[in-house]
Amino acid sequence: MNFKLCAAAVALSFACSNAPVLAENLPIAISPGIAAKLMVRGPLEGVQVTDLRSQKRNDVLVVQAEMYNTTVNDVRVYYRFRWTDAGGMQVGDGEVWKPLTVLGKQSQLIKGTAYGPQAVDFKIEMSAEPR
């Protein structure tokens, strides 16, 4: 009797470990630090931000982010950068939304450059829709 119970528990744990992750349950970023830099408008349809880097080049902030589509379906992502100064105030007039198609099970890099040296921080605003 114990053997049957043990076998059922092993089978259940194997089935649960291979269960697909639904897009609506997927975190928007691979870490809380990356998630803190994102402003998401609605579900990202299975797209997850997996890497985020920033550095100053010639006194101007440059940001690069990598997005990964965890689904097999293509997703259209819209994004823009919001640049802020040391006081948290927006720098510049604001960017327009940029469209980007992230193919199924593929990664895409996005890059943004601040308007000038007064920008010391940023947020990436994002939304997505299935394609």
N, C-alpha and C. Protein backbone atom coordinates (compact mmCIF):
# COMPACT_ATOMS: atom_id res chain seq x y z
N MET A 1 0.82 -1.19 0.00
CA MET A 1 0.00 0.00 0.00
C MET A 1 0.86 1.26 0.00
N ASN A 2 1.93 1.27 0.78
CA ASN A 2 2.82 2.42 0.82
C ASN A 2 3.50 2.65 -0.52
N PHE A 3 3.80 1.58 -1.23
CA PHE A 3 4.44 1.70 -2.53
C PHE A 3 3.55 2.47 -3.51
N LYS A 4 2.25 2.15 -3.52
CA LYS A 4 1.31 2.84 -4.41
C LYS A 4 1.21 4.32 -4.07
N LEU A 5 1.18 4.63 -2.78
CA LEU A 5 1.09 6.02 -2.34
C LEU A 5 2.35 6.79 -2.72
N CYS A 6 3.50 6.17 -2.53
CA CYS A 6 4.78 6.79 -2.89
C CYS A 6 4.86 7.02 -4.40
N ALA A 7 4.44 6.04 -5.19
CA ALA A 7 4.47 6.16 -6.64
C ALA A 7 3.54 7.28 -7.10
N ALA A 8 2.39 7.42 -6.48
CA ALA A 8 1.44 8.48 -6.84
C ALA A 8 2.02 9.85 -6.50
N ALA A 9 2.70 9.95 -5.36
CA ALA A 9 3.31 11.23 -4.97
C ALA A 9 4.42 11.62 -5.93
N VAL A 10 5.23 10.66 -6.34
CA VAL A 10 6.30 10.93 -7.31
C VAL A 10 5.72 11.37 -8.64
N ALA A 11 4.69 10.69 -9.10
CA ALA A 11 4.05 11.04 -10.38
C ALA A 11 3.45 12.43 -10.32
N LEU A 12 2.82 12.78 -9.19
CA LEU A 12 2.21 14.10 -9.03
C LEU A 12 3.27 15.19 -9.01
N SER A 13 4.36 14.96 -8.31
CA SER A 13 5.42 15.99 -8.25
C SER A 13 6.07 16.17 -9.61
N PHE A 14 6.22 15.10 -10.37
CA PHE A 14 6.78 15.20 -11.72
C PHE A 14 5.84 15.98 -12.62
N ALA A 15 4.56 15.72 -12.53
CA ALA A 15 3.57 16.42 -13.36
C ALA A 15 3.54 17.90 -13.01
N CYS A 16 3.63 18.24 -11.73
CA CYS A 16 3.60 19.65 -11.31
C CYS A 16 4.86 20.38 -11.73
N SER A 17 6.01 19.72 -11.69
CA SER A 17 7.25 20.40 -12.06
C SER A 17 7.32 20.67 -13.56
N ASN A 18 6.60 19.92 -14.36
CA ASN A 18 6.60 20.14 -15.81
C ASN A 18 5.37 20.89 -16.28
N ALA A 19 4.57 21.40 -15.35
CA ALA A 19 3.37 22.14 -15.74
C ALA A 19 3.76 23.45 -16.41
N PRO A 20 3.06 23.84 -17.46
CA PRO A 20 3.40 25.09 -18.14
C PRO A 20 3.07 26.28 -17.26
N VAL A 21 3.87 27.33 -17.38
CA VAL A 21 3.62 28.57 -16.66
C VAL A 21 2.75 29.43 -17.55
N LEU A 22 1.60 29.83 -17.04
CA LEU A 22 0.70 30.67 -17.82
C LEU A 22 1.24 32.09 -17.88
N ALA A 23 1.01 32.75 -19.01
CA ALA A 23 1.53 34.10 -19.21
C ALA A 23 1.04 35.06 -18.14
N GLU A 24 -0.20 34.91 -17.67
CA GLU A 24 -0.72 35.84 -16.68
C GLU A 24 -0.09 35.63 -15.30
N ASN A 25 0.53 34.48 -15.05
CA ASN A 25 1.18 34.21 -13.77
C ASN A 25 2.68 34.48 -13.81
N LEU A 26 3.20 34.84 -14.95
CA LEU A 26 4.63 35.06 -15.12
C LEU A 26 5.02 36.43 -14.57
N PRO A 27 6.07 36.52 -13.78
CA PRO A 27 6.51 37.84 -13.32
C PRO A 27 7.00 38.67 -14.50
N ILE A 28 6.86 40.00 -14.41
CA ILE A 28 7.25 40.87 -15.51
C ILE A 28 8.77 40.96 -15.67
N ALA A 29 9.48 40.62 -14.62
CA ALA A 29 10.94 40.69 -14.66
C ALA A 29 11.52 39.51 -13.91
N ILE A 30 12.76 39.20 -14.22
CA ILE A 30 13.41 38.04 -13.63
C ILE A 30 13.87 38.33 -12.19
N SER A 31 13.92 39.62 -11.80
CA SER A 31 14.32 39.95 -10.44
C SER A 31 13.55 41.18 -9.96
N PRO A 32 13.43 41.35 -8.65
CA PRO A 32 12.74 42.53 -8.12
C PRO A 32 13.44 43.84 -8.48
N GLY A 33 14.77 43.81 -8.60
CA GLY A 33 15.52 45.01 -8.98
C GLY A 33 15.16 45.50 -10.38
N ILE A 34 15.01 44.57 -11.31
CA ILE A 34 14.61 44.93 -12.67
C ILE A 34 13.16 45.39 -12.68
N ALA A 35 12.30 44.69 -11.94
CA ALA A 35 10.88 45.05 -11.89
C ALA A 35 10.68 46.46 -11.36
N ALA A 36 11.56 46.93 -10.47
CA ALA A 36 11.44 48.27 -9.91
C ALA A 36 11.66 49.35 -10.97
N LYS A 37 12.30 49.01 -12.06
CA LYS A 37 12.57 49.97 -13.13
C LYS A 37 11.52 49.94 -14.23
N LEU A 38 10.47 49.13 -14.07
CA LEU A 38 9.46 48.98 -15.11
C LEU A 38 8.14 49.59 -14.68
N MET A 39 7.44 50.19 -15.64
CA MET A 39 6.06 50.65 -15.47
C MET A 39 5.26 49.90 -16.53
N VAL A 40 4.48 48.93 -16.11
CA VAL A 40 3.80 48.06 -17.06
C VAL A 40 2.33 48.43 -17.13
N ARG A 41 1.84 48.57 -18.35
CA ARG A 41 0.43 48.88 -18.63
C ARG A 41 -0.26 47.62 -19.13
N GLY A 42 -0.87 46.86 -18.24
CA GLY A 42 -1.55 45.63 -18.62
C GLY A 42 -0.61 44.44 -18.66
N PRO A 43 -1.14 43.28 -19.05
CA PRO A 43 -0.31 42.06 -19.11
C PRO A 43 0.72 42.14 -20.24
N LEU A 44 1.86 41.54 -20.02
CA LEU A 44 2.92 41.55 -21.05
C LEU A 44 2.87 40.34 -21.96
N GLU A 45 1.79 39.56 -21.90
CA GLU A 45 1.55 38.47 -22.85
C GLU A 45 2.69 37.45 -22.92
N GLY A 46 3.36 37.19 -21.80
CA GLY A 46 4.43 36.20 -21.78
C GLY A 46 5.83 36.77 -21.98
N VAL A 47 5.94 38.07 -22.16
CA VAL A 47 7.25 38.71 -22.30
C VAL A 47 7.77 39.05 -20.91
N GLN A 48 9.04 38.74 -20.70
CA GLN A 48 9.67 38.98 -19.41
C GLN A 48 10.99 39.72 -19.63
N VAL A 49 11.27 40.73 -18.82
CA VAL A 49 12.54 41.44 -18.89
C VAL A 49 13.57 40.64 -18.11
N THR A 50 14.59 40.15 -18.81
CA THR A 50 15.55 39.24 -18.18
C THR A 50 16.89 39.89 -17.83
N ASP A 51 17.18 41.05 -18.41
CA ASP A 51 18.45 41.71 -18.13
C ASP A 51 18.26 43.21 -18.28
N LEU A 52 18.95 43.97 -17.46
CA LEU A 52 18.87 45.42 -17.51
C LEU A 52 20.20 46.00 -17.08
N ARG A 53 20.78 46.83 -17.93
CA ARG A 53 22.08 47.44 -17.63
C ARG A 53 22.02 48.92 -17.94
N SER A 54 22.74 49.70 -17.14
CA SER A 54 22.83 51.13 -17.40
C SER A 54 24.24 51.60 -17.06
N GLN A 55 24.66 52.62 -17.78
CA GLN A 55 25.97 53.21 -17.52
C GLN A 55 25.99 54.62 -18.07
N LYS A 56 26.95 55.40 -17.61
CA LYS A 56 27.14 56.75 -18.11
C LYS A 56 28.19 56.71 -19.21
N ARG A 57 27.86 57.28 -20.36
CA ARG A 57 28.81 57.44 -21.46
C ARG A 57 28.86 58.91 -21.82
N ASN A 58 30.03 59.52 -21.68
CA ASN A 58 30.19 60.96 -21.92
C ASN A 58 29.17 61.76 -21.11
N ASP A 59 28.98 61.38 -19.85
CA ASP A 59 28.07 62.03 -18.91
C ASP A 59 26.59 61.86 -19.24
N VAL A 60 26.26 60.97 -20.15
CA VAL A 60 24.87 60.73 -20.52
C VAL A 60 24.51 59.28 -20.16
N LEU A 61 23.36 59.10 -19.53
CA LEU A 61 22.90 57.78 -19.12
C LEU A 61 22.43 56.96 -20.33
N VAL A 62 22.95 55.74 -20.45
CA VAL A 62 22.56 54.82 -21.52
C VAL A 62 22.05 53.54 -20.86
N VAL A 63 20.91 53.05 -21.35
CA VAL A 63 20.26 51.87 -20.77
C VAL A 63 20.05 50.82 -21.84
N GLN A 64 20.28 49.57 -21.48
CA GLN A 64 20.01 48.44 -22.38
C GLN A 64 19.22 47.40 -21.60
N ALA A 65 18.12 46.93 -22.18
CA ALA A 65 17.29 45.91 -21.55
C ALA A 65 17.08 44.76 -22.52
N GLU A 66 16.99 43.56 -21.98
CA GLU A 66 16.72 42.38 -22.80
C GLU A 66 15.37 41.81 -22.40
N MET A 67 14.54 41.57 -23.42
CA MET A 67 13.22 40.97 -23.21
C MET A 67 13.21 39.58 -23.82
N TYR A 68 12.54 38.65 -23.14
CA TYR A 68 12.43 37.29 -23.63
C TYR A 68 10.95 36.91 -23.70
N ASN A 69 10.54 36.37 -24.84
CA ASN A 69 9.17 35.91 -25.02
C ASN A 69 9.12 34.44 -24.60
N THR A 70 8.43 34.16 -23.50
CA THR A 70 8.37 32.79 -22.97
C THR A 70 7.37 31.92 -23.71
N THR A 71 6.54 32.52 -24.56
CA THR A 71 5.53 31.76 -25.29
C THR A 71 6.01 31.46 -26.71
N VAL A 72 5.28 30.63 -27.42
CA VAL A 72 5.61 30.33 -28.81
C VAL A 72 4.96 31.33 -29.78
N ASN A 73 4.07 32.16 -29.26
CA ASN A 73 3.39 33.15 -30.09
C ASN A 73 4.17 34.45 -30.13
N ASP A 74 4.11 35.14 -31.27
CA ASP A 74 4.75 36.45 -31.38
C ASP A 74 3.95 37.47 -30.56
N VAL A 75 4.66 38.44 -29.99
CA VAL A 75 4.04 39.47 -29.16
C VAL A 75 4.55 40.83 -29.63
N ARG A 76 3.63 41.79 -29.76
CA ARG A 76 4.01 43.16 -30.10
C ARG A 76 4.13 43.93 -28.78
N VAL A 77 5.33 44.45 -28.51
CA VAL A 77 5.62 45.20 -27.30
C VAL A 77 5.76 46.67 -27.67
N TYR A 78 5.20 47.53 -26.85
CA TYR A 78 5.37 48.98 -27.00
C TYR A 78 6.12 49.46 -25.76
N TYR A 79 7.14 50.30 -25.96
CA TYR A 79 7.93 50.75 -24.82
C TYR A 79 8.41 52.18 -25.04
N ARG A 80 8.76 52.84 -23.95
CA ARG A 80 9.41 54.15 -23.99
C ARG A 80 10.14 54.34 -22.67
N PHE A 81 11.16 55.17 -22.71
CA PHE A 81 11.95 55.46 -21.51
C PHE A 81 11.46 56.76 -20.89
N ARG A 82 11.43 56.80 -19.57
CA ARG A 82 11.15 58.02 -18.82
C ARG A 82 12.41 58.37 -18.04
N TRP A 83 13.00 59.49 -18.37
CA TRP A 83 14.24 59.94 -17.75
C TRP A 83 13.92 60.93 -16.65
N THR A 84 14.61 60.79 -15.51
CA THR A 84 14.38 61.69 -14.38
C THR A 84 15.69 62.23 -13.84
N ASP A 85 15.60 63.42 -13.21
CA ASP A 85 16.79 64.03 -12.62
C ASP A 85 16.93 63.59 -11.17
N ALA A 86 17.89 64.16 -10.46
CA ALA A 86 18.17 63.76 -9.08
C ALA A 86 16.97 63.99 -8.15
N GLY A 87 16.11 64.95 -8.48
CA GLY A 87 14.94 65.23 -7.68
C GLY A 87 13.72 64.40 -8.06
N GLY A 88 13.85 63.52 -9.06
CA GLY A 88 12.74 62.69 -9.49
C GLY A 88 11.85 63.34 -10.53
N MET A 89 12.22 64.52 -11.00
CA MET A 89 11.43 65.23 -12.02
C MET A 89 11.80 64.72 -13.41
N GLN A 90 10.81 64.67 -14.29
CA GLN A 90 11.04 64.19 -15.65
C GLN A 90 11.96 65.15 -16.41
N VAL A 91 12.89 64.56 -17.15
CA VAL A 91 13.82 65.32 -17.98
C VAL A 91 13.39 65.15 -19.43
N GLY A 92 13.32 66.24 -20.16
CA GLY A 92 12.93 66.18 -21.57
C GLY A 92 11.42 66.19 -21.74
N ASP A 93 11.00 66.14 -22.99
CA ASP A 93 9.58 66.21 -23.33
C ASP A 93 8.88 64.86 -23.24
N GLY A 94 9.60 63.80 -23.06
CA GLY A 94 9.01 62.46 -23.06
C GLY A 94 9.17 61.84 -24.43
N GLU A 95 9.33 60.57 -24.44
CA GLU A 95 9.53 59.85 -25.70
C GLU A 95 8.21 59.34 -26.25
N VAL A 96 8.20 59.05 -27.53
CA VAL A 96 7.04 58.42 -28.15
C VAL A 96 7.13 56.92 -27.90
N TRP A 97 5.99 56.25 -28.00
CA TRP A 97 5.97 54.80 -27.85
C TRP A 97 6.66 54.17 -29.06
N LYS A 98 7.51 53.19 -28.79
CA LYS A 98 8.21 52.48 -29.86
C LYS A 98 7.66 51.05 -29.94
N PRO A 99 7.27 50.59 -31.13
CA PRO A 99 6.79 49.22 -31.26
C PRO A 99 7.96 48.26 -31.49
N LEU A 100 7.80 47.04 -31.02
CA LEU A 100 8.82 46.01 -31.19
C LEU A 100 8.12 44.66 -31.20
N THR A 101 8.40 43.84 -32.19
CA THR A 101 7.85 42.49 -32.22
C THR A 101 8.87 41.53 -31.62
N VAL A 102 8.43 40.80 -30.60
CA VAL A 102 9.29 39.79 -29.98
C VAL A 102 8.73 38.43 -30.42
N LEU A 103 9.49 37.73 -31.23
CA LEU A 103 9.04 36.43 -31.74
C LEU A 103 8.99 35.40 -30.63
N GLY A 104 8.22 34.35 -30.83
CA GLY A 104 8.07 33.30 -29.84
C GLY A 104 9.39 32.66 -29.48
N LYS A 105 9.62 32.52 -28.17
CA LYS A 105 10.85 31.90 -27.62
C LYS A 105 12.13 32.62 -28.07
N GLN A 106 12.04 33.93 -28.30
CA GLN A 106 13.20 34.71 -28.74
C GLN A 106 13.44 35.88 -27.77
N SER A 107 14.67 36.40 -27.81
CA SER A 107 15.05 37.56 -27.03
C SER A 107 15.22 38.77 -27.94
N GLN A 108 14.97 39.95 -27.39
CA GLN A 108 15.19 41.21 -28.10
C GLN A 108 15.83 42.19 -27.15
N LEU A 109 16.76 42.98 -27.66
CA LEU A 109 17.39 44.04 -26.88
C LEU A 109 16.78 45.38 -27.25
N ILE A 110 16.58 46.23 -26.25
CA ILE A 110 16.19 47.61 -26.50
C ILE A 110 17.24 48.50 -25.85
N LYS A 111 17.41 49.69 -26.40
CA LYS A 111 18.43 50.59 -25.90
C LYS A 111 17.86 52.00 -25.87
N GLY A 112 18.20 52.73 -24.84
CA GLY A 112 17.76 54.11 -24.71
C GLY A 112 18.89 54.99 -24.23
N THR A 113 18.91 56.23 -24.71
CA THR A 113 19.92 57.20 -24.33
C THR A 113 19.21 58.44 -23.81
N ALA A 114 19.61 58.91 -22.63
CA ALA A 114 18.98 60.07 -22.01
C ALA A 114 19.22 61.33 -22.84
N TYR A 115 18.39 62.34 -22.59
CA TYR A 115 18.47 63.60 -23.34
C TYR A 115 19.72 64.40 -23.02
N GLY A 116 20.24 64.25 -21.82
CA GLY A 116 21.42 65.02 -21.43
C GLY A 116 21.95 64.56 -20.09
N PRO A 117 22.98 65.23 -19.58
CA PRO A 117 23.62 64.80 -18.34
C PRO A 117 22.78 65.01 -17.08
N GLN A 118 21.71 65.80 -17.16
CA GLN A 118 20.87 66.00 -15.98
C GLN A 118 20.04 64.77 -15.62
N ALA A 119 19.85 63.84 -16.55
CA ALA A 119 19.10 62.60 -16.28
C ALA A 119 20.01 61.64 -15.51
N VAL A 120 19.55 61.24 -14.32
CA VAL A 120 20.35 60.33 -13.50
C VAL A 120 19.62 59.01 -13.22
N ASP A 121 18.35 58.94 -13.59
CA ASP A 121 17.58 57.72 -13.35
C ASP A 121 16.57 57.54 -14.48
N PHE A 122 15.89 56.38 -14.48
CA PHE A 122 14.97 56.08 -15.58
C PHE A 122 13.94 55.05 -15.14
N LYS A 123 12.90 54.94 -15.92
CA LYS A 123 11.92 53.87 -15.85
C LYS A 123 11.62 53.49 -17.30
N ILE A 124 11.30 52.23 -17.54
CA ILE A 124 10.87 51.79 -18.86
C ILE A 124 9.38 51.51 -18.77
N GLU A 125 8.62 52.24 -19.56
CA GLU A 125 7.17 52.06 -19.61
C GLU A 125 6.88 51.06 -20.72
N MET A 126 6.05 50.05 -20.44
CA MET A 126 5.81 48.98 -21.40
C MET A 126 4.35 48.56 -21.45
N SER A 127 3.94 48.12 -22.62
CA SER A 127 2.66 47.43 -22.77
C SER A 127 2.85 46.41 -23.89
N ALA A 128 1.91 45.47 -24.00
CA ALA A 128 2.05 44.43 -25.02
C ALA A 128 0.68 43.96 -25.48
N GLU A 129 0.68 43.36 -26.68
CA GLU A 129 -0.52 42.74 -27.20
C GLU A 129 -0.11 41.55 -28.06
N PRO A 130 -0.93 40.49 -28.10
CA PRO A 130 -0.59 39.35 -28.95
C PRO A 130 -0.62 39.78 -30.40
N ARG A 131 0.17 39.13 -31.19
CA ARG A 131 0.23 39.49 -32.62
C ARG A 131 -0.47 38.49 -33.46
